[in-house]
Amino acid sequence: MANTDQLRVKKQQRNTVLASVFGSIIEWYDFFLYATMAALVFNSEFFPEFDPLIGTLVAFGTFAAGFVTRPIGGLIFGHFGDRIGRKKILVITMLIMGISTFLMGVLPTYAQIGVAAPILLLILRMLQGIGLGGEWGGAAILTFEHAPRGKRGLFSSWPQTGVPLGLLLSTVAVNLASLGGDEVLVEWAWRVPFIASIVLVIVGLIVRLKVEEPQAFKDMVETGEVVKVPVFEVIRKYPKQLLVGFGARFSESITFNVYNAFLLTYTTTVLGLSSSYALNGLLVASVIGFFIIPIAGKLSDKFGRRPVFAAGAAVALVTAFPIFGLIDSGVAVFIWLATVLGWSMGACTMFGAEAAFFAELFPARVRYTGMSLVYQLGVLPSGAVAPIIAVWLVSISGSSWPVAIYVMVAAVIALVALYFAKETAHQEVDTDLRARAEAQSAPAPAAQ
């Protein structure tokens, strides 16, 4: 009987990891696809009355709008994720992201319906942000709370691999759509990757519906510890944890978005290179990042969340100037190397330790809300505006060195935040909750 229970638990753990990873891939595929098309297509098709650089800046404004609505999604779905369950919310967030992305693929352009086109694009982008705002925290928590003892870092890092895999898939999709040349891409081919995403959504829903709620949430329900308004408790009882999370998030988010969204614009618009230079660099970085994330997660189980996260921030700090030197060379191989250094070695190392680190900041009863606030509010002053700030810095200086300084400042902010954080990797979580649930469900002693 014990062996049967162990096999069932292990099967459920595998299903949870698979569902979380697959859902995360879909969410990030949708999100990155928009970022790439904002740099290559949307500036001309939805904002044609600006010069190329300003048009791109406006397109990145709609990119940032998705980040602005992410905290809204985090608040809404974090609230209900802590009250009615992790699994139900993750099904809803996937549907929101998938439908929004599909509708982008059939959206008329400015030439067809005028100013309504960018307005509708903005609305769909905001809906994407709301969906992603609830997705990340739920996927990370699902694996974190299903993880076996001593493997919380490794298990919760797996949904993070959806980031490089989503980027890889979106980059492959854009490369395939670009095979007919820039004219075909702009005319109609850009729509195909958006429309095709609906297939991924259907498969993802089938996988995700098979997952069980984690034991921690079941214990919360059984012991009556479900919080009425989780966000109030997070703000009142855990302000330090929020600030630590916000600060740590700075480097990962800015590093990631500078070497993803901005790099594509910089190499094509400023350096005048083919989009394949940056796109191929992102392909290489995505493959390497896929392996770095779980390795970093596993290392965080052994050595702690803080040192692994700090290692990623340190890489971002010391490589910023060399990276832009490599990019400015205009040599394809050097651009690929720069992308691997910044994106894979820097951001993905932080990704590996991040989910468990943030999850351990909060108890189960407010974990979904707390994590969502840290991740989604923390992105507003960092990743949401990173491409816009980077484009602006280049436009006023005519050089890339201010962007390198920008990346370095973000890394310093993260390192300072980590200095004030507590190490939580080797502490037990939710054990008191489990003990109370077991005591409550135990049969009463027989009368004497």
Protein backbone atom coordinates (compact mmCIF):
# COMPACT_ATOMS: atom_id res chain seq x y z
CA MET A 1 0.00 0.00 0.00
CA ALA A 2 2.84 2.36 0.90
CA ASN A 3 4.55 1.64 -2.42
CA THR A 4 1.30 2.38 -4.28
CA ASP A 5 0.95 5.72 -2.48
CA GLN A 6 4.57 6.60 -3.27
CA LEU A 7 4.07 5.81 -6.95
CA ARG A 8 0.91 7.90 -7.01
CA VAL A 9 2.73 10.85 -5.41
CA LYS A 10 5.64 10.59 -7.85
CA LYS A 11 3.26 10.39 -10.81
CA GLN A 12 1.42 13.45 -9.56
CA GLN A 13 4.73 15.30 -9.13
CA ARG A 14 5.69 14.47 -12.73
CA ASN A 15 2.27 15.58 -13.99
CA THR A 16 2.56 18.81 -12.03
CA VAL A 17 5.97 19.62 -13.48
CA LEU A 18 4.77 18.79 -17.01
CA ALA A 19 1.60 20.87 -16.67
CA SER A 20 3.44 23.83 -15.19
CA VAL A 21 6.21 23.75 -17.79
CA PHE A 22 3.83 23.36 -20.71
CA GLY A 23 1.57 26.13 -19.49
CA SER A 24 4.55 28.38 -18.87
CA ILE A 25 5.87 27.72 -22.40
CA ILE A 26 2.54 28.82 -23.88
CA GLU A 27 2.31 31.95 -21.76
CA TRP A 28 5.87 33.05 -22.54
CA TYR A 29 5.62 32.11 -26.22
CA ASP A 30 2.67 34.49 -26.50
CA PHE A 31 4.38 37.24 -24.55
CA PHE A 32 7.72 37.06 -26.41
CA LEU A 33 6.06 36.79 -29.78
CA TYR A 34 4.50 40.18 -29.18
CA ALA A 35 7.85 41.68 -28.10
CA THR A 36 9.54 40.44 -31.27
CA MET A 37 6.78 41.65 -33.56
CA ALA A 38 6.74 45.02 -31.79
CA ALA A 39 10.33 45.43 -32.97
CA LEU A 40 9.87 44.05 -36.50
CA VAL A 41 6.29 44.67 -37.64
CA PHE A 42 4.00 46.62 -35.32
CA ASN A 43 5.93 49.89 -35.63
CA SER A 44 5.01 50.08 -39.34
CA GLU A 45 1.67 48.23 -39.42
CA PHE A 46 0.00 49.77 -36.38
CA PHE A 47 1.95 53.02 -35.88
CA PRO A 48 2.91 54.06 -39.43
CA GLU A 49 2.88 57.84 -38.95
CA PHE A 50 6.15 57.94 -36.96
CA ASP A 51 9.76 57.63 -38.09
CA PRO A 52 11.17 54.09 -37.59
CA LEU A 53 12.86 54.65 -34.20
CA ILE A 54 9.96 56.64 -32.71
CA GLY A 55 7.48 54.14 -34.16
CA THR A 56 9.39 51.37 -32.40
CA LEU A 57 9.34 53.40 -29.20
CA VAL A 58 5.55 53.70 -29.42
CA ALA A 59 5.24 49.98 -30.21
CA PHE A 60 7.30 49.23 -27.10
CA GLY A 61 4.85 51.46 -25.24
CA THR A 62 2.14 48.89 -25.97
CA PHE A 63 4.69 46.22 -24.97
CA ALA A 64 5.02 47.99 -21.61
CA ALA A 65 1.22 48.12 -21.28
CA GLY A 66 1.24 44.34 -20.92
CA PHE A 67 3.54 44.75 -17.95
CA VAL A 68 1.33 47.44 -16.43
CA THR A 69 -1.66 45.08 -16.36
CA ARG A 70 0.37 42.17 -14.99
CA PRO A 71 0.00 43.40 -11.38
CA ILE A 72 -3.76 43.60 -11.94
CA GLY A 73 -3.74 39.97 -13.03
CA GLY A 74 -1.46 39.12 -10.11
CA LEU A 75 -3.84 40.74 -7.61
CA ILE A 76 -6.97 39.19 -9.08
CA PHE A 77 -5.67 35.67 -9.61
CA GLY A 78 -3.41 35.71 -6.56
CA HIS A 79 -6.46 36.52 -4.45
CA PHE A 80 -8.54 33.69 -5.86
CA GLY A 81 -5.55 31.33 -6.07
CA ASP A 82 -5.14 31.68 -2.31
CA ARG A 83 -8.88 31.31 -1.74
CA ILE A 84 -10.27 28.75 -4.21
CA GLY A 85 -7.16 26.87 -5.39
CA ARG A 86 -4.09 27.02 -7.60
CA LYS A 87 -5.27 24.67 -10.36
CA LYS A 88 -8.55 26.42 -11.24
CA ILE A 89 -6.82 29.76 -11.67
CA LEU A 90 -4.11 28.33 -13.92
CA VAL A 91 -6.74 27.05 -16.35
CA ILE A 92 -8.32 30.52 -16.55
CA THR A 93 -5.00 32.33 -17.07
CA MET A 94 -4.06 30.03 -19.94
CA LEU A 95 -7.37 30.70 -21.68
CA ILE A 96 -6.95 34.48 -21.36
CA MET A 97 -3.44 34.44 -22.81
CA GLY A 98 -4.30 32.00 -25.60
CA ILE A 99 -7.43 33.75 -26.83
CA SER A 100 -5.78 37.20 -26.69
CA THR A 101 -2.84 35.99 -28.76
CA PHE A 102 -5.06 34.29 -31.34
CA LEU A 103 -7.09 37.48 -31.78
CA MET A 104 -3.89 39.46 -32.39
CA GLY A 105 -3.27 37.21 -35.36
CA VAL A 106 -6.55 38.20 -37.02
CA LEU A 107 -6.46 41.90 -36.05
CA PRO A 108 -6.83 44.43 -38.91
CA THR A 109 -3.96 46.89 -39.33
CA TYR A 110 -3.91 50.70 -39.27
CA ALA A 111 -4.23 50.79 -43.06
CA GLN A 112 -7.45 48.78 -42.84
CA ILE A 113 -9.36 50.31 -39.89
CA GLY A 114 -7.32 53.34 -38.88
CA VAL A 115 -6.75 54.32 -35.25
CA ALA A 116 -8.98 51.48 -34.01
CA ALA A 117 -6.18 49.04 -34.92
CA PRO A 118 -3.58 50.23 -32.37
CA ILE A 119 -6.34 50.65 -29.75
CA LEU A 120 -7.47 47.04 -30.18
CA LEU A 121 -3.84 45.88 -30.18
CA LEU A 122 -3.32 47.71 -26.90
CA ILE A 123 -6.42 46.10 -25.34
CA LEU A 124 -5.31 42.61 -26.35
CA ARG A 125 -1.81 43.29 -25.05
CA MET A 126 -3.28 44.37 -21.72
CA LEU A 127 -5.32 41.16 -21.56
CA GLN A 128 -2.12 39.20 -22.22
CA GLY A 129 -0.57 40.97 -19.27
CA ILE A 130 -3.51 40.15 -17.00
CA GLY A 131 -3.26 36.47 -17.93
CA LEU A 132 0.48 36.32 -17.42
CA GLY A 133 0.11 38.22 -14.14
CA GLY A 134 -1.74 35.28 -12.65
CA GLU A 135 0.11 32.52 -14.49
CA TRP A 136 3.65 32.79 -13.20
CA GLY A 137 2.90 32.69 -9.47
CA GLY A 138 0.47 29.81 -9.83
CA ALA A 139 2.76 27.65 -11.96
CA ALA A 140 5.73 28.22 -9.65
CA ILE A 141 3.67 27.53 -6.51
CA LEU A 142 2.14 24.38 -7.95
CA THR A 143 5.56 22.79 -8.44
CA PHE A 144 6.97 24.29 -5.21
CA GLU A 145 4.16 22.88 -3.06
CA HIS A 146 4.28 19.47 -4.79
CA ALA A 147 8.09 19.23 -4.48
CA PRO A 148 9.72 16.46 -2.41
CA ARG A 149 11.88 17.36 0.55
CA GLY A 150 15.15 19.08 -0.38
CA LYS A 151 14.13 19.67 -4.01
CA ARG A 152 11.98 22.80 -3.85
CA GLY A 153 14.52 24.82 -5.82
CA LEU A 154 14.84 22.23 -8.58
CA PHE A 155 11.10 21.56 -8.90
CA SER A 156 10.04 25.21 -8.88
CA SER A 157 12.74 26.04 -11.44
CA TRP A 158 11.06 23.87 -14.07
CA PRO A 159 8.24 26.35 -14.84
CA GLN A 160 11.01 28.91 -15.31
CA THR A 161 12.31 26.84 -18.22
CA GLY A 162 9.13 27.91 -19.98
CA VAL A 163 10.88 31.26 -20.42
CA PRO A 164 13.73 30.03 -22.69
CA LEU A 165 11.49 27.42 -24.31
CA GLY A 166 8.79 30.01 -24.99
CA LEU A 167 11.43 32.36 -26.36
CA LEU A 168 12.90 29.53 -28.43
CA LEU A 169 9.52 28.62 -29.92
CA SER A 170 8.58 32.24 -30.62
CA THR A 171 11.97 32.92 -32.21
CA VAL A 172 11.68 29.80 -34.39
CA ALA A 173 8.17 30.87 -35.36
CA VAL A 174 9.37 34.35 -36.33
CA ASN A 175 12.31 32.91 -38.26
CA LEU A 176 9.95 30.63 -40.21
CA ALA A 177 7.57 33.51 -40.85
CA SER A 178 10.55 35.56 -42.10
CA LEU A 179 11.63 33.00 -44.71
CA GLY A 180 9.74 34.82 -47.44
CA GLY A 181 11.58 38.04 -46.69
CA ASP A 182 10.74 41.21 -44.78
CA GLU A 183 8.02 42.25 -47.23
CA VAL A 184 6.08 38.98 -46.85
CA LEU A 185 6.58 39.07 -43.08
CA VAL A 186 5.08 42.55 -42.80
CA GLU A 187 2.30 41.86 -45.30
CA TRP A 188 0.81 38.68 -43.80
CA ALA A 189 3.29 36.09 -42.47
CA TRP A 190 3.55 37.75 -39.03
CA ARG A 191 0.01 36.60 -38.33
CA VAL A 192 0.74 32.86 -38.59
CA PRO A 193 2.64 32.42 -35.29
CA PHE A 194 -0.15 34.20 -33.40
CA ILE A 195 -2.93 32.11 -34.92
CA ALA A 196 -0.99 28.84 -34.54
CA SER A 197 -0.66 29.37 -30.77
CA ILE A 198 -4.24 28.17 -30.27
CA VAL A 199 -3.04 24.59 -30.87
CA LEU A 200 -0.62 24.89 -27.97
CA VAL A 201 -3.40 26.23 -25.74
CA ILE A 202 -5.67 23.25 -26.40
CA VAL A 203 -2.91 20.74 -25.60
CA GLY A 204 -1.90 22.74 -22.52
CA LEU A 205 -5.43 22.73 -21.13
CA ILE A 206 -5.68 18.96 -21.49
CA VAL A 207 -2.45 18.51 -19.54
CA ARG A 208 -3.26 21.07 -16.87
CA LEU A 209 -6.73 19.66 -16.09
CA LYS A 210 -5.09 16.41 -14.87
CA VAL A 211 -3.21 18.09 -12.02
CA GLU A 212 -4.31 17.90 -8.37
CA GLU A 213 -4.32 20.75 -5.89
CA PRO A 214 -1.17 20.69 -3.71
CA GLN A 215 -1.39 19.35 -0.16
CA ALA A 216 -0.64 22.76 1.34
CA PHE A 217 -3.81 24.23 -0.14
CA LYS A 218 -5.88 21.22 0.96
CA ASP A 219 -4.51 21.71 4.48
CA MET A 220 -5.43 25.40 4.38
CA VAL A 221 -9.03 24.51 3.55
CA GLU A 222 -9.19 21.78 6.17
CA THR A 223 -7.83 23.96 8.98
CA GLY A 224 -9.86 27.02 7.97
CA GLU A 225 -6.76 29.14 7.29
CA VAL A 226 -7.98 30.54 3.99
CA VAL A 227 -7.49 34.31 4.24
CA LYS A 228 -10.41 36.58 3.37
CA VAL A 229 -8.35 39.33 1.68
CA PRO A 230 -4.79 37.98 1.14
CA VAL A 231 -3.34 41.22 -0.26
CA PHE A 232 -4.09 43.11 2.96
CA GLU A 233 -2.30 40.49 5.03
CA VAL A 234 0.73 40.52 2.71
CA ILE A 235 1.09 44.30 2.90
CA ARG A 236 0.50 44.42 6.66
CA LYS A 237 2.63 41.45 7.77
CA TYR A 238 5.29 41.02 5.08
CA PRO A 239 6.47 44.47 3.90
CA LYS A 240 10.18 43.56 4.22
CA GLN A 241 9.69 40.43 2.11
CA LEU A 242 7.98 42.52 -0.57
CA LEU A 243 10.84 45.04 -0.67
CA VAL A 244 13.48 42.30 -0.81
CA GLY A 245 11.64 40.62 -3.67
CA PHE A 246 11.18 43.90 -5.57
CA GLY A 247 14.88 44.69 -5.29
CA ALA A 248 16.04 41.24 -6.34
CA ARG A 249 13.68 41.33 -9.30
CA PHE A 250 15.36 44.46 -10.71
CA SER A 251 18.43 42.84 -12.20
CA GLU A 252 16.75 39.74 -13.60
CA SER A 253 13.95 41.73 -15.24
CA ILE A 254 16.06 44.52 -16.75
CA THR A 255 18.85 42.18 -17.87
CA PHE A 256 16.34 39.86 -19.47
CA ASN A 257 14.38 42.51 -21.38
CA VAL A 258 17.42 44.49 -22.52
CA TYR A 259 19.02 41.38 -24.05
CA ASN A 260 15.72 40.21 -25.48
CA ALA A 261 13.40 42.96 -26.72
CA PHE A 262 15.84 45.89 -26.96
CA LEU A 263 18.68 43.90 -28.54
CA LEU A 264 16.56 43.08 -31.58
CA THR A 265 15.67 46.74 -32.13
CA TYR A 266 19.23 47.94 -31.54
CA THR A 267 20.85 45.55 -34.00
CA THR A 268 18.26 46.15 -36.76
CA THR A 269 17.36 49.84 -36.38
CA VAL A 270 20.60 51.34 -35.02
CA LEU A 271 23.31 49.00 -36.35
CA GLY A 272 21.42 48.27 -39.57
CA LEU A 273 21.96 44.51 -39.36
CA SER A 274 19.66 41.72 -40.48
CA SER A 275 17.16 40.59 -37.82
CA SER A 276 18.69 37.10 -38.11
CA TYR A 277 21.77 38.24 -36.15
CA ALA A 278 19.83 38.84 -32.94
CA LEU A 279 17.21 36.14 -33.57
CA ASN A 280 19.84 33.43 -34.03
CA GLY A 281 21.64 34.70 -30.93
CA LEU A 282 18.42 34.34 -28.96
CA LEU A 283 17.97 30.80 -30.30
CA VAL A 284 21.41 29.80 -29.02
CA ALA A 285 20.85 31.58 -25.71
CA SER A 286 17.45 29.88 -25.26
CA VAL A 287 18.91 26.39 -25.66
CA ILE A 288 21.71 27.11 -23.18
CA GLY A 289 19.32 28.89 -20.80
CA PHE A 290 17.06 25.83 -20.70
CA PHE A 291 19.87 23.84 -19.08
CA ILE A 292 21.14 26.63 -16.84
CA ILE A 293 17.80 27.24 -15.11
CA PRO A 294 17.30 23.77 -13.53
CA ILE A 295 21.02 23.55 -12.74
CA ALA A 296 20.75 26.86 -10.89
CA GLY A 297 17.60 25.63 -9.15
CA LYS A 298 19.36 22.46 -8.00
CA LEU A 299 22.39 24.43 -6.83
CA SER A 300 20.09 26.70 -4.84
CA ASP A 301 18.84 23.61 -2.96
CA LYS A 302 22.42 22.80 -1.98
CA PHE A 303 24.07 26.19 -1.49
CA GLY A 304 21.09 28.49 -0.90
CA ARG A 305 18.89 30.84 -2.90
CA ARG A 306 20.89 34.00 -2.14
CA PRO A 307 24.33 32.95 -3.45
CA VAL A 308 22.94 31.49 -6.68
CA PHE A 309 20.74 34.51 -7.37
CA ALA A 310 23.65 36.82 -6.51
CA ALA A 311 25.91 34.94 -8.93
CA GLY A 312 23.52 35.74 -11.79
CA ALA A 313 23.36 39.42 -10.78
CA ALA A 314 27.16 39.53 -10.55
CA VAL A 315 27.45 38.16 -14.10
CA ALA A 316 25.10 40.91 -15.30
CA LEU A 317 27.21 43.49 -13.47
CA VAL A 318 30.67 42.55 -14.78
CA THR A 319 29.70 41.63 -18.35
CA ALA A 320 27.55 44.66 -19.31
CA PHE A 321 30.29 46.68 -21.02
CA PRO A 322 31.99 43.69 -22.70
CA ILE A 323 28.59 42.54 -23.98
CA PHE A 324 27.81 45.81 -25.72
CA GLY A 325 31.33 45.89 -27.09
CA LEU A 326 30.63 42.52 -28.70
CA ILE A 327 27.25 43.69 -30.01
CA ASP A 328 28.67 46.91 -31.47
CA SER A 329 31.23 44.87 -33.44
CA GLY A 330 28.41 43.87 -35.79
CA VAL A 331 29.88 40.36 -36.08
CA ALA A 332 27.21 37.65 -35.87
CA VAL A 333 29.22 35.23 -33.69
CA PHE A 334 30.10 38.01 -31.25
CA ILE A 335 26.44 39.04 -31.01
CA TRP A 336 25.52 35.43 -30.24
CA LEU A 337 28.20 35.27 -27.55
CA ALA A 338 26.95 38.53 -26.06
CA THR A 339 23.38 37.18 -25.91
CA VAL A 340 24.52 33.99 -24.20
CA LEU A 341 26.53 35.93 -21.61
CA GLY A 342 23.77 38.38 -20.73
CA TRP A 343 20.64 36.34 -21.25
CA SER A 344 21.69 32.76 -20.46
CA MET A 345 24.47 33.21 -17.91
CA GLY A 346 23.04 36.30 -16.23
CA ALA A 347 19.24 36.31 -16.33
CA CYS A 348 18.70 32.52 -16.48
CA THR A 349 20.91 31.91 -13.44
CA MET A 350 18.68 34.28 -11.51
CA PHE A 351 15.59 32.55 -12.94
CA GLY A 352 16.75 29.21 -11.52
CA ALA A 353 16.78 30.36 -7.89
CA GLU A 354 14.00 32.92 -8.18
CA ALA A 355 10.80 30.90 -7.87
CA ALA A 356 11.76 29.04 -4.68
CA PHE A 357 13.32 32.19 -3.22
CA PHE A 358 10.11 34.19 -3.71
CA ALA A 359 7.83 31.31 -2.62
CA GLU A 360 9.74 30.95 0.65
CA LEU A 361 9.17 34.60 1.49
CA PHE A 362 5.48 33.91 2.25
CA PRO A 363 3.40 31.26 4.06
CA ALA A 364 0.96 29.09 2.10
CA ARG A 365 -2.14 31.10 3.01
CA VAL A 366 -0.88 34.20 1.13
CA ARG A 367 1.83 32.65 -1.06
CA TYR A 368 0.06 33.09 -4.41
CA THR A 369 -0.73 36.74 -3.68
CA GLY A 370 2.70 37.51 -2.23
CA MET A 371 4.62 35.94 -5.09
CA SER A 372 2.42 37.59 -7.69
CA LEU A 373 2.89 41.01 -6.11
CA VAL A 374 6.68 40.62 -5.99
CA TYR A 375 6.93 39.35 -9.52
CA GLN A 376 4.37 41.55 -11.22
CA LEU A 377 4.69 44.82 -9.29
CA GLY A 378 8.45 44.41 -9.27
CA VAL A 379 8.50 44.37 -13.07
CA LEU A 380 6.90 47.82 -13.46
CA PRO A 381 9.95 49.98 -12.66
CA SER A 382 12.31 47.43 -14.21
CA GLY A 383 11.46 45.13 -17.12
CA ALA A 384 8.30 46.93 -18.23
CA VAL A 385 10.19 50.08 -19.14
CA ALA A 386 13.60 48.54 -19.90
CA PRO A 387 13.24 48.49 -23.73
CA ILE A 388 11.83 52.04 -23.74
CA ILE A 389 14.58 53.39 -21.48
CA ALA A 390 17.25 51.56 -23.48
CA VAL A 391 15.94 52.98 -26.80
CA TRP A 392 15.77 56.46 -25.25
CA LEU A 393 19.32 56.22 -23.89
CA VAL A 394 20.64 55.28 -27.33
CA SER A 395 18.59 57.99 -29.06
CA ILE A 396 20.01 60.80 -26.86
CA SER A 397 23.59 59.52 -26.66
CA GLY A 398 24.07 57.82 -30.02
CA SER A 399 25.90 55.06 -28.19
CA SER A 400 25.25 51.85 -26.27
CA TRP A 401 27.37 52.59 -23.19
CA PRO A 402 24.51 54.24 -21.20
CA VAL A 403 22.51 51.02 -21.62
CA ALA A 404 25.43 49.05 -20.17
CA ILE A 405 25.43 51.35 -17.13
CA TYR A 406 21.66 50.86 -16.84
CA VAL A 407 22.14 47.08 -16.66
CA MET A 408 24.92 47.49 -14.06
CA VAL A 409 22.82 49.75 -11.80
CA ALA A 410 20.02 47.16 -11.82
CA ALA A 411 22.49 44.45 -10.79
CA VAL A 412 23.73 46.54 -7.85
CA ILE A 413 20.13 47.10 -6.66
CA ALA A 414 19.55 43.32 -6.69
CA LEU A 415 22.76 42.58 -4.80
CA VAL A 416 21.84 45.11 -2.10
CA ALA A 417 18.38 43.54 -1.74
CA LEU A 418 19.90 40.06 -1.43
CA TYR A 419 22.21 41.31 1.31
CA PHE A 420 19.15 42.07 3.46
CA ALA A 421 17.35 38.81 2.61
CA LYS A 422 17.25 35.76 4.87
CA GLU A 423 18.45 32.42 3.53
CA THR A 424 15.46 30.05 3.44
CA ALA A 425 16.61 27.15 1.28
CA HIS A 426 17.15 24.71 4.14
CA GLN A 427 14.14 25.69 6.24
CA GLU A 428 11.02 23.53 6.28
CA VAL A 429 7.82 25.11 4.95
CA ASP A 430 4.15 24.40 5.68
CA THR A 431 4.99 21.70 8.27
CA ASP A 432 2.94 23.38 11.02
CA LEU A 433 -0.01 23.62 8.65
CA ARG A 434 0.28 19.90 7.83
CA ALA A 435 0.48 18.98 11.52
CA ARG A 436 -2.66 20.97 12.34
CA ALA A 437 -4.53 19.41 9.44
CA GLU A 438 -3.54 15.90 10.54
CA ALA A 439 -4.51 16.62 14.15
CA GLN A 440 -7.85 17.98 13.07
CA SER A 441 -8.63 14.98 10.88
CA ALA A 442 -7.46 12.40 13.45
CA PRO A 443 -10.30 10.33 15.01
CA ALA A 444 -11.27 11.28 18.55
CA PRO A 445 -10.07 8.86 21.27
CA ALA A 446 -12.60 6.27 22.33
CA ALA A 447 -14.51 6.99 25.52
CA GLN A 448 -13.33 5.05 28.59
